[in-house]
Amino acid sequence: MRRILVLIAVASLALTALAAAVVAVGAFLLRDLGPLPPRFSGPPLPADTVVSEMTSILAAEGITVERDPSGGLGKCHERLSGRHAPETVDAALKAAFARARSEYGWQPGPDLGGEKLTLTKNNWTVLTGFSGEVPPGWQAPVFLSLTCVGGDDASTAPTAPSAPALTPAPSSS
């Protein structure tokens, strides 16, 4: 009987120590770290600026693209498409993305692995993939998808929300 009481006492001490450790770790994880950082750095860029910049970067590497109508894509999505010689399209895309980083301030985007390249700048992300097999005599397709953070209209900078008009409550006399 005494052995059972000793085992219960030891088990309850172990559970108390475990509970204290859980509370300490929970308090550490739930500490206030302040406000969240912005989702992007720098001022929001207008869609026209980003499209024009990417078009000129690609043109410098010999890739001609046109802006596709973005009617169904939404206000914060753009697409550029064109064609290029299949023998040099992958090298030209890599060179264009390197030029965007070195001369225009674009940063490497998230690594999506495989045959994709990404860039980010302020509130925009650019994504392209390498072409696959192209039939002989055809040009390789080039597609760039441009997406901005937030889904709002990026053609103008956001403004501060206006305060709601306050009307005084009727006085009870």
Protein backbone atom coordinates (compact mmCIF):
# COMPACT_ATOMS: atom_id res chain seq x y z
CA MET A 1 0.00 0.00 0.00
CA ARG A 2 2.82 2.34 0.90
CA ARG A 3 4.43 1.62 -2.48
CA ILE A 4 1.24 2.67 -4.28
CA LEU A 5 1.13 5.95 -2.33
CA VAL A 6 4.77 6.67 -3.21
CA LEU A 7 4.07 5.97 -6.91
CA ILE A 8 1.03 8.26 -6.84
CA ALA A 9 3.07 11.02 -5.18
CA VAL A 10 5.87 10.70 -7.73
CA ALA A 11 3.39 10.64 -10.62
CA SER A 12 1.59 13.74 -9.33
CA LEU A 13 4.92 15.58 -8.97
CA ALA A 14 5.83 14.61 -12.54
CA LEU A 15 2.44 15.80 -13.83
CA THR A 16 2.80 19.07 -11.92
CA ALA A 17 6.26 19.63 -13.43
CA LEU A 18 4.91 18.82 -16.90
CA ALA A 19 1.99 21.23 -16.47
CA ALA A 20 4.37 23.99 -15.33
CA ALA A 21 6.57 23.39 -18.38
CA VAL A 22 3.56 23.52 -20.71
CA VAL A 23 2.42 26.81 -19.16
CA ALA A 24 5.92 28.30 -19.49
CA VAL A 25 6.23 27.27 -23.14
CA GLY A 26 2.70 28.49 -23.87
CA ALA A 27 3.45 31.87 -22.30
CA PHE A 28 6.60 32.13 -24.42
CA LEU A 29 4.73 31.28 -27.63
CA LEU A 30 1.88 33.67 -26.89
CA ARG A 31 4.03 36.69 -25.99
CA ASP A 32 3.20 39.96 -27.74
CA LEU A 33 5.63 40.59 -30.58
CA GLY A 34 4.04 43.85 -31.67
CA PRO A 35 2.30 44.65 -34.93
CA LEU A 36 2.72 42.42 -37.96
CA PRO A 37 5.18 43.57 -40.61
CA PRO A 38 3.74 44.84 -43.89
CA ARG A 39 3.00 42.22 -46.51
CA PHE A 40 5.37 43.97 -48.90
CA SER A 41 8.04 46.64 -48.71
CA GLY A 42 7.96 49.90 -50.60
CA PRO A 43 5.04 51.80 -52.05
CA PRO A 44 2.46 49.89 -54.10
CA LEU A 45 3.24 50.01 -57.81
CA PRO A 46 0.61 50.68 -60.46
CA ALA A 47 -0.12 47.82 -62.83
CA ASP A 48 0.80 49.93 -65.86
CA THR A 49 4.25 50.62 -64.41
CA VAL A 50 4.94 46.94 -63.71
CA VAL A 51 3.70 45.83 -67.15
CA SER A 52 5.78 48.51 -68.89
CA GLU A 53 8.89 47.64 -66.89
CA MET A 54 8.61 43.89 -67.50
CA THR A 55 7.89 44.44 -71.20
CA SER A 56 11.04 46.57 -71.61
CA ILE A 57 13.17 44.10 -69.59
CA LEU A 58 12.05 41.24 -71.84
CA ALA A 59 12.52 43.35 -74.99
CA ALA A 60 16.13 44.02 -73.97
CA GLU A 61 16.68 40.25 -74.13
CA GLY A 62 14.91 39.92 -77.49
CA ILE A 63 11.57 38.64 -76.16
CA THR A 64 8.53 40.50 -77.47
CA VAL A 65 5.39 40.21 -75.33
CA GLU A 66 2.03 41.90 -75.32
CA ARG A 67 -0.31 42.64 -72.47
CA ASP A 68 -3.27 40.29 -72.51
CA PRO A 69 -6.70 41.69 -71.67
CA SER A 70 -7.23 41.22 -67.96
CA GLY A 71 -11.03 41.35 -68.01
CA GLY A 72 -11.59 38.01 -66.30
CA LEU A 73 -8.44 38.01 -64.18
CA GLY A 74 -9.38 40.83 -61.83
CA LYS A 75 -7.84 44.15 -61.01
CA CYS A 76 -4.68 42.78 -59.49
CA HIS A 77 -3.67 40.29 -62.16
CA GLU A 78 -1.94 40.91 -65.46
CA ARG A 79 -0.61 38.53 -68.08
CA LEU A 80 2.04 39.06 -70.72
CA SER A 81 2.38 36.65 -73.61
CA GLY A 82 4.45 36.30 -76.74
CA ARG A 83 6.61 33.93 -78.75
CA HIS A 84 10.35 33.45 -79.06
CA ALA A 85 12.84 31.17 -80.80
CA PRO A 86 12.71 27.80 -79.02
CA GLU A 87 16.50 27.38 -79.03
CA THR A 88 17.11 30.50 -76.92
CA VAL A 89 13.88 31.14 -75.03
CA ASP A 90 14.99 29.61 -71.71
CA ALA A 91 18.34 31.43 -71.72
CA ALA A 92 16.63 34.70 -72.69
CA LEU A 93 14.11 34.37 -69.82
CA LYS A 94 16.90 33.68 -67.32
CA ALA A 95 18.85 36.68 -68.63
CA ALA A 96 15.75 38.90 -68.45
CA PHE A 97 15.10 37.89 -64.83
CA ALA A 98 18.77 38.53 -63.99
CA ARG A 99 18.49 41.98 -65.63
CA ALA A 100 15.32 42.71 -63.64
CA ARG A 101 17.20 41.91 -60.41
CA SER A 102 20.38 43.81 -61.24
CA GLU A 103 19.04 46.88 -63.04
CA TYR A 104 15.45 47.33 -61.88
CA GLY A 105 15.50 46.28 -58.21
CA TRP A 106 13.40 43.13 -58.49
CA GLN A 107 14.10 40.47 -55.87
CA PRO A 108 14.09 36.70 -56.29
CA GLY A 109 10.60 35.41 -55.57
CA PRO A 110 9.58 32.27 -53.75
CA ASP A 111 11.28 29.13 -55.01
CA LEU A 112 8.57 27.08 -56.68
CA GLY A 113 11.05 24.51 -57.90
CA GLY A 114 11.12 22.86 -61.25
CA GLU A 115 10.84 24.92 -64.39
CA LYS A 116 9.55 28.18 -62.88
CA LEU A 117 11.11 31.60 -62.24
CA THR A 118 9.66 34.18 -59.86
CA LEU A 119 10.45 37.80 -59.01
CA THR A 120 8.97 40.21 -56.46
CA LYS A 121 9.01 43.98 -56.22
CA ASN A 122 6.95 46.00 -53.77
CA ASN A 123 3.43 44.56 -54.04
CA TRP A 124 3.95 42.54 -57.25
CA THR A 125 5.08 38.99 -58.02
CA VAL A 126 6.02 37.82 -61.53
CA LEU A 127 5.93 34.14 -62.44
CA THR A 128 7.01 32.40 -65.63
CA GLY A 129 7.73 28.84 -66.64
CA PHE A 130 10.08 27.42 -69.22
CA SER A 131 8.70 26.10 -72.45
CA GLY A 132 8.44 22.40 -73.05
CA GLU A 133 8.81 20.64 -76.33
CA VAL A 134 8.04 22.87 -79.31
CA PRO A 135 7.20 21.34 -82.69
CA PRO A 136 9.81 22.04 -85.39
CA GLY A 137 9.24 25.35 -87.14
CA TRP A 138 7.12 26.81 -84.35
CA GLN A 139 7.96 29.60 -81.93
CA ALA A 140 8.09 28.83 -78.18
CA PRO A 141 5.29 30.43 -76.17
CA VAL A 142 6.27 32.89 -73.43
CA PHE A 143 3.81 33.62 -70.61
CA LEU A 144 4.33 35.85 -67.59
CA SER A 145 1.76 36.08 -64.83
CA LEU A 146 1.87 39.26 -62.74
CA THR A 147 -0.03 39.33 -59.45
CA CYS A 148 -0.17 42.00 -56.79
CA VAL A 149 -0.64 41.56 -53.06
CA GLY A 150 -4.02 42.37 -51.62
CA GLY A 151 -6.23 42.00 -54.65
CA ASP A 152 -7.08 45.71 -54.64
CA ASP A 153 -6.74 48.00 -57.62
CA ALA A 154 -3.01 48.69 -57.68
CA SER A 155 -3.31 51.54 -60.17
CA THR A 156 -3.45 54.03 -57.34
CA ALA A 157 -1.76 54.11 -53.99
CA PRO A 158 -4.00 53.20 -51.08
CA THR A 159 -5.34 56.04 -49.01
CA ALA A 160 -6.02 56.12 -45.33
CA PRO A 161 -9.56 55.12 -44.44
CA SER A 162 -11.73 58.05 -43.60
CA ALA A 163 -13.24 58.28 -40.15
CA PRO A 164 -16.98 57.75 -39.96
CA ALA A 165 -18.99 60.88 -39.38
CA LEU A 166 -20.10 61.11 -35.80
CA THR A 167 -23.42 62.67 -34.98
CA PRO A 168 -24.16 63.66 -31.42
CA ALA A 169 -26.75 61.59 -29.67
CA PRO A 170 -29.90 63.44 -28.65
CA SER A 171 -29.62 64.68 -25.14
CA SER A 172 -32.11 63.38 -22.66
CA SER A 173 -33.31 66.36 -20.62
